[in-house]
């Protein structure tokens, strides 16, 4: 019983030791490559029933320290879609079962960088499903492969 009593006194010290320094967070460009889509004004478009995929999720270090990403999880309109621990973290977007409207793809991942704290990244972007290729917005480029880049760095 005495041991438990002493451990209770040590508990606040353990909580104080876990404080975080924002300067130790990863500094990377987070890149998501999609295929079977078109991109216009930071919005992706796909045709209902056509194949659309997230081909890869990568990070590029903004410092001279190496960085990588792992544990990528995908969500579609808030519902879990797919998870992967191995690169390139590809995932099919089920356009055949999605209604013709704007949907949200969310990605959560763990970012590792040398001499930095383990960081968690979360981002989301819209994807508009259209019924037919003629419904794509005017001025949109051809259906193909596009990359979205998001900068991840601590506030200075």
N, C-alpha and C. Protein backbone atom coordinates (compact mmCIF):
# COMPACT_ATOMS: atom_id res chain seq x y z
N UNK A 1 0.82 -1.19 0.00
CA UNK A 1 0.00 0.00 0.00
C UNK A 1 0.87 1.26 0.00
N UNK A 2 1.99 1.21 0.71
CA UNK A 2 2.90 2.35 0.75
C UNK A 2 3.45 2.67 -0.64
N UNK A 3 3.74 1.62 -1.42
CA UNK A 3 4.30 1.81 -2.76
C UNK A 3 3.30 2.56 -3.65
N UNK A 4 2.05 2.22 -3.57
CA UNK A 4 1.03 2.91 -4.36
C UNK A 4 0.93 4.38 -3.95
N UNK A 5 1.05 4.63 -2.67
CA UNK A 5 0.97 5.99 -2.15
C UNK A 5 2.11 6.84 -2.72
N UNK A 6 3.33 6.27 -2.75
CA UNK A 6 4.47 6.99 -3.31
C UNK A 6 4.33 7.19 -4.82
N UNK A 7 3.77 6.21 -5.51
CA UNK A 7 3.57 6.34 -6.96
C UNK A 7 2.59 7.46 -7.29
N UNK A 8 1.60 7.66 -6.44
CA UNK A 8 0.65 8.75 -6.66
C UNK A 8 1.34 10.11 -6.59
N UNK A 9 2.37 10.24 -5.76
CA UNK A 9 3.12 11.49 -5.69
C UNK A 9 3.99 11.70 -6.93
N UNK A 10 4.43 10.63 -7.57
CA UNK A 10 5.26 10.73 -8.76
C UNK A 10 4.46 11.01 -10.03
N UNK A 11 3.18 10.70 -10.02
CA UNK A 11 2.35 10.87 -11.20
C UNK A 11 2.36 12.30 -11.75
N UNK A 12 2.21 13.35 -10.96
CA UNK A 12 2.27 14.71 -11.52
C UNK A 12 3.60 15.03 -12.20
N UNK A 13 4.69 14.47 -11.71
CA UNK A 13 5.99 14.71 -12.34
C UNK A 13 6.03 14.09 -13.74
N UNK A 14 5.44 12.94 -13.89
CA UNK A 14 5.40 12.28 -15.20
C UNK A 14 4.57 13.10 -16.19
N UNK A 15 3.49 13.70 -15.73
CA UNK A 15 2.67 14.52 -16.61
C UNK A 15 3.41 15.78 -17.05
N UNK A 16 4.17 16.38 -16.17
CA UNK A 16 4.94 17.57 -16.52
C UNK A 16 6.05 17.25 -17.51
N UNK A 17 6.59 16.06 -17.43
CA UNK A 17 7.69 15.67 -18.31
C UNK A 17 7.23 15.43 -19.74
N UNK A 18 5.93 15.32 -19.98
CA UNK A 18 5.45 14.99 -21.30
C UNK A 18 5.10 16.21 -22.14
N UNK A 19 5.45 17.41 -21.68
CA UNK A 19 5.16 18.61 -22.46
C UNK A 19 5.90 18.57 -23.78
N UNK A 20 5.34 19.18 -24.82
CA UNK A 20 5.86 19.11 -26.17
C UNK A 20 6.45 20.45 -26.60
N UNK A 21 7.46 20.39 -27.46
CA UNK A 21 8.07 21.58 -28.03
C UNK A 21 7.71 21.63 -29.51
N UNK A 22 7.02 22.67 -29.96
CA UNK A 22 6.57 22.75 -31.34
C UNK A 22 7.73 22.85 -32.32
N UNK A 23 8.90 23.25 -31.86
CA UNK A 23 10.05 23.33 -32.75
C UNK A 23 10.54 21.96 -33.18
N UNK A 24 10.09 20.91 -32.50
CA UNK A 24 10.53 19.56 -32.81
C UNK A 24 9.60 18.83 -33.78
N UNK A 25 8.59 19.50 -34.32
CA UNK A 25 7.66 18.86 -35.23
C UNK A 25 8.27 18.75 -36.63
N UNK A 26 7.82 17.74 -37.38
CA UNK A 26 8.32 17.52 -38.74
C UNK A 26 8.04 18.72 -39.63
N UNK A 27 8.95 18.95 -40.58
CA UNK A 27 8.81 20.01 -41.57
C UNK A 27 8.92 19.37 -42.94
N UNK A 28 7.77 19.16 -43.59
CA UNK A 28 7.73 18.43 -44.86
C UNK A 28 6.69 19.01 -45.80
N UNK A 29 6.85 18.68 -47.08
CA UNK A 29 5.78 18.86 -48.06
C UNK A 29 5.10 17.51 -48.20
N UNK A 30 3.81 17.48 -47.94
CA UNK A 30 2.98 16.29 -47.99
C UNK A 30 2.39 16.23 -49.39
N UNK A 31 2.65 15.16 -50.17
CA UNK A 31 2.19 15.08 -51.55
C UNK A 31 1.26 13.89 -51.75
N UNK A 32 0.09 14.16 -52.35
CA UNK A 32 -0.89 13.13 -52.65
C UNK A 32 -1.06 13.10 -54.16
N UNK A 33 -0.83 11.94 -54.79
CA UNK A 33 -0.96 11.79 -56.23
C UNK A 33 -2.23 11.00 -56.54
N UNK A 34 -3.11 11.59 -57.36
CA UNK A 34 -4.35 10.95 -57.76
C UNK A 34 -4.36 10.72 -59.26
N UNK A 35 -4.99 9.63 -59.71
CA UNK A 35 -5.13 9.36 -61.14
C UNK A 35 -6.60 9.09 -61.45
N UNK A 36 -6.96 9.26 -62.73
CA UNK A 36 -8.34 9.07 -63.14
C UNK A 36 -9.22 10.24 -62.75
N UNK A 37 -8.59 11.40 -62.53
CA UNK A 37 -9.30 12.60 -62.10
C UNK A 37 -8.83 13.79 -62.92
N UNK A 38 -9.52 14.90 -62.76
CA UNK A 38 -9.04 16.17 -63.26
C UNK A 38 -9.03 17.13 -62.08
N UNK A 39 -8.26 18.19 -62.19
CA UNK A 39 -8.15 19.13 -61.07
C UNK A 39 -8.35 20.55 -61.59
N UNK A 40 -9.21 21.28 -60.90
CA UNK A 40 -9.46 22.67 -61.24
C UNK A 40 -9.70 23.44 -59.95
N UNK A 41 -8.95 24.50 -59.72
CA UNK A 41 -9.09 25.34 -58.52
C UNK A 41 -9.03 24.53 -57.22
N UNK A 42 -8.02 23.68 -57.09
CA UNK A 42 -7.80 22.85 -55.89
C UNK A 42 -8.95 21.90 -55.57
N UNK A 43 -9.78 21.60 -56.56
CA UNK A 43 -10.83 20.60 -56.41
C UNK A 43 -10.61 19.52 -57.45
N UNK A 44 -10.74 18.27 -57.02
CA UNK A 44 -10.61 17.15 -57.95
C UNK A 44 -12.00 16.76 -58.44
N UNK A 45 -12.07 16.28 -59.69
CA UNK A 45 -13.31 15.83 -60.31
C UNK A 45 -13.09 14.44 -60.87
N UNK A 46 -14.09 13.57 -60.71
CA UNK A 46 -14.04 12.22 -61.28
C UNK A 46 -15.41 11.89 -61.84
N UNK A 47 -15.42 11.03 -62.84
CA UNK A 47 -16.67 10.62 -63.47
C UNK A 47 -17.18 9.37 -62.76
N UNK A 48 -18.48 9.39 -62.44
CA UNK A 48 -19.13 8.29 -61.74
C UNK A 48 -18.94 7.00 -62.54
N UNK A 49 -18.44 5.96 -61.88
CA UNK A 49 -18.23 4.67 -62.52
C UNK A 49 -16.86 4.49 -63.14
N UNK A 50 -16.13 5.58 -63.39
CA UNK A 50 -14.77 5.47 -63.93
C UNK A 50 -13.78 5.19 -62.80
N UNK A 51 -12.65 4.64 -63.17
CA UNK A 51 -11.62 4.34 -62.16
C UNK A 51 -10.92 5.61 -61.72
N UNK A 52 -10.89 5.82 -60.42
CA UNK A 52 -10.15 6.94 -59.82
C UNK A 52 -9.39 6.39 -58.63
N UNK A 53 -8.15 6.79 -58.47
CA UNK A 53 -7.29 6.24 -57.43
C UNK A 53 -6.43 7.29 -56.77
N UNK A 54 -6.08 7.02 -55.52
CA UNK A 54 -4.99 7.73 -54.87
C UNK A 54 -3.80 6.80 -55.08
N UNK A 55 -2.85 7.25 -55.88
CA UNK A 55 -1.73 6.39 -56.26
C UNK A 55 -0.60 6.38 -55.24
N UNK A 56 -0.38 7.51 -54.57
CA UNK A 56 0.75 7.57 -53.64
C UNK A 56 0.59 8.73 -52.68
N UNK A 57 1.13 8.52 -51.49
CA UNK A 57 1.28 9.58 -50.49
C UNK A 57 2.76 9.60 -50.12
N UNK A 58 3.40 10.74 -50.30
CA UNK A 58 4.83 10.87 -49.99
C UNK A 58 5.07 12.16 -49.24
N UNK A 59 6.23 12.26 -48.64
CA UNK A 59 6.67 13.51 -48.02
C UNK A 59 8.06 13.85 -48.53
N UNK A 60 8.31 15.14 -48.65
CA UNK A 60 9.62 15.65 -49.01
C UNK A 60 10.06 16.59 -47.89
N UNK A 61 11.23 16.35 -47.35
CA UNK A 61 11.73 17.15 -46.24
C UNK A 61 12.00 18.58 -46.65
N UNK A 62 11.66 19.51 -45.76
CA UNK A 62 11.96 20.93 -45.98
C UNK A 62 13.29 21.31 -45.33
N UNK A 63 13.91 20.37 -44.66
CA UNK A 63 15.20 20.59 -44.01
C UNK A 63 16.20 19.60 -44.60
N UNK A 64 17.39 19.55 -44.05
CA UNK A 64 18.37 18.58 -44.53
C UNK A 64 18.22 17.23 -43.83
N UNK A 65 17.16 17.04 -43.05
CA UNK A 65 16.92 15.78 -42.34
C UNK A 65 15.93 14.92 -43.13
N UNK A 66 16.24 13.63 -43.27
CA UNK A 66 15.37 12.70 -44.00
C UNK A 66 14.01 12.58 -43.33
N UNK A 67 12.98 12.34 -44.15
CA UNK A 67 11.61 12.21 -43.63
C UNK A 67 10.88 11.11 -44.40
N UNK A 68 9.90 10.51 -43.75
CA UNK A 68 9.06 9.50 -44.39
C UNK A 68 7.67 9.55 -43.78
N UNK A 69 6.75 8.87 -44.42
CA UNK A 69 5.37 8.81 -43.94
C UNK A 69 4.99 7.34 -43.75
N UNK A 70 4.12 7.07 -42.79
CA UNK A 70 3.66 5.70 -42.55
C UNK A 70 2.26 5.74 -41.95
N UNK A 71 1.63 4.61 -41.90
CA UNK A 71 0.31 4.50 -41.26
C UNK A 71 -0.72 5.42 -41.87
N UNK A 72 -0.88 5.37 -43.19
CA UNK A 72 -1.83 6.25 -43.87
C UNK A 72 -3.24 5.65 -43.79
N UNK A 73 -4.19 6.49 -43.37
CA UNK A 73 -5.60 6.09 -43.28
C UNK A 73 -6.44 7.03 -44.11
N UNK A 74 -7.37 6.46 -44.87
CA UNK A 74 -8.25 7.24 -45.74
C UNK A 74 -9.69 7.20 -45.21
N UNK A 75 -10.37 8.33 -45.36
CA UNK A 75 -11.77 8.44 -44.96
C UNK A 75 -12.52 9.12 -46.11
N UNK A 76 -13.73 8.66 -46.35
CA UNK A 76 -14.58 9.24 -47.38
C UNK A 76 -15.84 9.75 -46.70
N UNK A 77 -16.05 11.05 -46.73
CA UNK A 77 -17.18 11.69 -46.05
C UNK A 77 -17.24 11.28 -44.57
N UNK A 78 -16.08 11.17 -43.95
CA UNK A 78 -15.98 10.86 -42.52
C UNK A 78 -15.98 9.38 -42.19
N UNK A 79 -16.30 8.52 -43.13
CA UNK A 79 -16.33 7.07 -42.88
C UNK A 79 -15.00 6.46 -43.30
N UNK A 80 -14.46 5.50 -42.52
CA UNK A 80 -13.20 4.85 -42.90
C UNK A 80 -13.31 4.20 -44.27
N UNK A 81 -12.30 4.39 -45.09
CA UNK A 81 -12.28 3.82 -46.44
C UNK A 81 -11.19 2.77 -46.58
N UNK A 82 -9.96 3.09 -46.12
CA UNK A 82 -8.84 2.18 -46.32
C UNK A 82 -7.68 2.62 -45.44
N UNK A 83 -6.81 1.70 -45.08
CA UNK A 83 -5.61 2.01 -44.33
C UNK A 83 -4.45 1.19 -44.84
N UNK A 84 -3.25 1.75 -44.78
CA UNK A 84 -2.07 1.03 -45.27
C UNK A 84 -0.84 1.43 -44.47
N UNK A 85 0.01 0.45 -44.23
CA UNK A 85 1.28 0.70 -43.55
C UNK A 85 2.46 0.72 -44.52
N UNK A 86 2.22 0.33 -45.78
CA UNK A 86 3.31 0.19 -46.73
C UNK A 86 3.17 1.17 -47.90
N UNK A 87 4.30 1.76 -48.28
CA UNK A 87 4.33 2.66 -49.44
C UNK A 87 3.98 1.86 -50.69
N UNK A 88 3.31 2.44 -51.63
CA UNK A 88 3.01 3.85 -51.85
C UNK A 88 1.67 4.30 -51.26
N UNK A 89 1.02 3.47 -50.46
CA UNK A 89 -0.24 3.83 -49.78
C UNK A 89 -1.37 4.10 -50.77
N UNK A 90 -1.46 3.29 -51.83
CA UNK A 90 -2.49 3.50 -52.85
C UNK A 90 -3.86 3.05 -52.36
N UNK A 91 -4.90 3.67 -52.94
CA UNK A 91 -6.27 3.41 -52.52
C UNK A 91 -7.21 3.72 -53.68
N UNK A 92 -8.17 2.82 -53.93
CA UNK A 92 -9.17 3.07 -54.97
C UNK A 92 -10.29 3.93 -54.41
N UNK A 93 -10.77 4.86 -55.19
CA UNK A 93 -11.91 5.69 -54.81
C UNK A 93 -13.15 5.05 -55.46
N UNK A 94 -14.11 4.61 -54.67
CA UNK A 94 -15.26 3.85 -55.21
C UNK A 94 -16.28 4.73 -55.93
N UNK A 95 -15.93 5.26 -57.10
CA UNK A 95 -16.81 6.19 -57.81
C UNK A 95 -18.12 5.56 -58.24
N UNK A 96 -18.12 4.24 -58.44
CA UNK A 96 -19.34 3.58 -58.92
C UNK A 96 -20.47 3.60 -57.90
N UNK A 97 -20.16 3.74 -56.62
CA UNK A 97 -21.20 3.75 -55.58
C UNK A 97 -21.43 5.14 -55.00
N UNK A 98 -20.69 6.12 -55.48
CA UNK A 98 -20.85 7.49 -54.96
C UNK A 98 -21.86 8.27 -55.79
N UNK A 99 -22.67 9.05 -55.11
CA UNK A 99 -23.64 9.89 -55.81
C UNK A 99 -22.92 11.07 -56.45
N UNK A 100 -23.55 11.63 -57.45
CA UNK A 100 -22.99 12.76 -58.17
C UNK A 100 -23.14 14.02 -57.33
N UNK A 101 -22.11 14.32 -56.56
CA UNK A 101 -22.08 15.51 -55.71
C UNK A 101 -20.66 15.68 -55.18
N UNK A 102 -20.44 16.66 -54.33
CA UNK A 102 -19.13 16.90 -53.73
C UNK A 102 -18.96 15.99 -52.50
N UNK A 103 -17.86 15.28 -52.46
CA UNK A 103 -17.51 14.42 -51.34
C UNK A 103 -16.19 14.92 -50.75
N UNK A 104 -15.88 14.47 -49.54
CA UNK A 104 -14.64 14.87 -48.89
C UNK A 104 -13.78 13.65 -48.64
N UNK A 105 -12.54 13.72 -49.11
CA UNK A 105 -11.55 12.68 -48.81
C UNK A 105 -10.65 13.24 -47.72
N UNK A 106 -10.51 12.48 -46.64
CA UNK A 106 -9.63 12.86 -45.53
C UNK A 106 -8.51 11.85 -45.44
N UNK A 107 -7.33 12.34 -45.10
CA UNK A 107 -6.16 11.47 -44.94
C UNK A 107 -5.53 11.77 -43.60
N UNK A 108 -5.23 10.71 -42.86
CA UNK A 108 -4.49 10.84 -41.60
C UNK A 108 -3.25 9.95 -41.74
N UNK A 109 -2.12 10.46 -41.29
CA UNK A 109 -0.86 9.71 -41.44
C UNK A 109 0.11 10.10 -40.34
N UNK A 110 1.09 9.26 -40.15
CA UNK A 110 2.18 9.53 -39.22
C UNK A 110 3.40 9.93 -40.03
N UNK A 111 4.02 11.05 -39.64
CA UNK A 111 5.21 11.55 -40.34
C UNK A 111 6.41 11.41 -39.41
N UNK A 112 7.46 10.80 -39.93
CA UNK A 112 8.70 10.60 -39.18
C UNK A 112 9.81 11.39 -39.86
N UNK A 113 10.56 12.14 -39.05
CA UNK A 113 11.69 12.89 -39.58
C UNK A 113 12.82 12.82 -38.57
N UNK A 114 14.04 12.67 -39.08
CA UNK A 114 15.22 12.56 -38.24
C UNK A 114 15.32 13.79 -37.33
N UNK A 115 15.61 13.56 -36.05
CA UNK A 115 15.78 14.60 -35.04
C UNK A 115 14.52 15.42 -34.77
N UNK A 116 13.35 14.89 -35.13
CA UNK A 116 12.08 15.57 -34.88
C UNK A 116 11.16 14.62 -34.12
N UNK A 117 10.17 15.19 -33.45
CA UNK A 117 9.16 14.37 -32.78
C UNK A 117 8.30 13.67 -33.81
N UNK A 118 7.75 12.51 -33.45
CA UNK A 118 6.79 11.84 -34.32
C UNK A 118 5.60 12.77 -34.47
N UNK A 119 5.17 13.00 -35.70
CA UNK A 119 4.09 13.95 -35.97
C UNK A 119 2.92 13.25 -36.64
N UNK A 120 1.74 13.73 -36.37
CA UNK A 120 0.54 13.24 -37.04
C UNK A 120 0.06 14.30 -38.00
N UNK A 121 -0.28 13.88 -39.21
CA UNK A 121 -0.79 14.79 -40.22
C UNK A 121 -2.23 14.42 -40.55
N UNK A 122 -3.06 15.42 -40.72
CA UNK A 122 -4.44 15.20 -41.13
C UNK A 122 -4.79 16.27 -42.15
N UNK A 123 -5.32 15.86 -43.28
CA UNK A 123 -5.73 16.81 -44.29
C UNK A 123 -6.95 16.28 -45.01
N UNK A 124 -7.66 17.19 -45.64
CA UNK A 124 -8.83 16.78 -46.41
C UNK A 124 -8.95 17.67 -47.63
N UNK A 125 -9.60 17.11 -48.66
CA UNK A 125 -9.81 17.86 -49.88
C UNK A 125 -11.09 17.37 -50.55
N UNK A 126 -11.72 18.24 -51.34
CA UNK A 126 -12.97 17.85 -51.99
C UNK A 126 -12.72 17.07 -53.28
N UNK A 127 -13.62 16.15 -53.55
CA UNK A 127 -13.66 15.47 -54.84
C UNK A 127 -15.12 15.50 -55.30
N UNK A 128 -15.33 16.01 -56.49
CA UNK A 128 -16.68 16.12 -57.04
C UNK A 128 -16.88 14.97 -58.02
N UNK A 129 -17.92 14.19 -57.77
CA UNK A 129 -18.27 13.10 -58.68
C UNK A 129 -19.35 13.64 -59.61
N UNK A 130 -19.11 13.51 -60.92
CA UNK A 130 -20.09 13.95 -61.91
C UNK A 130 -20.63 12.71 -62.63
N UNK A 131 -21.86 12.81 -63.13
CA UNK A 131 -22.50 11.65 -63.77
C UNK A 131 -21.86 11.29 -65.10
N UNK A 132 -21.39 12.29 -65.82
CA UNK A 132 -20.89 12.06 -67.17
C UNK A 132 -19.72 13.00 -67.44
N UNK A 133 -18.84 12.64 -68.35
CA UNK A 133 -17.68 13.48 -68.67
C UNK A 133 -18.10 14.86 -69.17
N UNK A 134 -19.28 14.96 -69.78
CA UNK A 134 -19.77 16.26 -70.25
C UNK A 134 -20.12 17.18 -69.07
N UNK A 135 -20.28 16.62 -67.88
CA UNK A 135 -20.61 17.41 -66.70
C UNK A 135 -19.38 18.00 -66.00
N UNK A 136 -18.19 17.67 -66.51
CA UNK A 136 -16.97 18.26 -65.94
C UNK A 136 -17.00 19.77 -66.18
N UNK A 137 -16.44 20.56 -65.27
CA UNK A 137 -16.50 22.01 -65.44
C UNK A 137 -15.72 22.48 -66.68
N UNK A 138 -16.21 23.55 -67.25
CA UNK A 138 -15.55 24.12 -68.41
C UNK A 138 -14.17 24.62 -68.01
N UNK A 139 -13.19 24.33 -68.83
CA UNK A 139 -11.82 24.76 -68.53
C UNK A 139 -11.02 23.74 -67.74
N UNK A 140 -11.66 22.65 -67.33
CA UNK A 140 -10.93 21.61 -66.60
C UNK A 140 -10.00 20.86 -67.56
N UNK A 141 -8.78 20.56 -67.13
CA UNK A 141 -7.88 19.80 -68.00
C UNK A 141 -8.38 18.36 -68.18
N UNK A 142 -7.70 17.63 -69.03
CA UNK A 142 -8.07 16.23 -69.30
C UNK A 142 -7.98 15.38 -68.04
N UNK A 143 -8.75 14.30 -68.02
CA UNK A 143 -8.63 13.31 -66.95
C UNK A 143 -7.23 12.73 -67.02
N UNK A 144 -6.55 12.66 -65.89
CA UNK A 144 -5.19 12.16 -65.87
C UNK A 144 -4.69 12.01 -64.45
N UNK A 145 -3.40 12.29 -64.24
CA UNK A 145 -2.76 12.16 -62.94
C UNK A 145 -2.36 13.55 -62.45
N UNK A 146 -2.73 13.86 -61.20
CA UNK A 146 -2.45 15.17 -60.61
C UNK A 146 -1.94 15.00 -59.19
N UNK A 147 -1.16 15.96 -58.74
CA UNK A 147 -0.59 15.91 -57.40
C UNK A 147 -1.02 17.13 -56.60
N UNK A 148 -1.44 16.88 -55.37
CA UNK A 148 -1.79 17.92 -54.41
C UNK A 148 -0.64 18.00 -53.41
N UNK A 149 -0.10 19.19 -53.18
CA UNK A 149 0.99 19.37 -52.23
C UNK A 149 0.52 20.28 -51.10
N UNK A 150 0.75 19.82 -49.86
CA UNK A 150 0.38 20.60 -48.68
C UNK A 150 1.63 20.73 -47.82
N UNK A 151 1.97 21.96 -47.43
CA UNK A 151 3.14 22.20 -46.59
C UNK A 151 2.79 21.95 -45.14
N UNK A 152 3.63 21.17 -44.47
CA UNK A 152 3.44 20.85 -43.06
C UNK A 152 4.67 21.31 -42.29
N UNK A 153 4.50 22.37 -41.49
CA UNK A 153 5.60 22.85 -40.68
C UNK A 153 5.04 23.55 -39.46
N UNK A 154 5.79 23.55 -38.37
CA UNK A 154 5.29 24.20 -37.14
C UNK A 154 5.24 25.71 -37.30
N UNK A 155 4.35 26.34 -36.55
CA UNK A 155 4.30 27.80 -36.51
C UNK A 155 5.58 28.31 -35.88
N UNK A 156 6.11 29.34 -36.44
CA UNK A 156 7.36 29.91 -35.90
C UNK A 156 7.06 31.21 -35.22
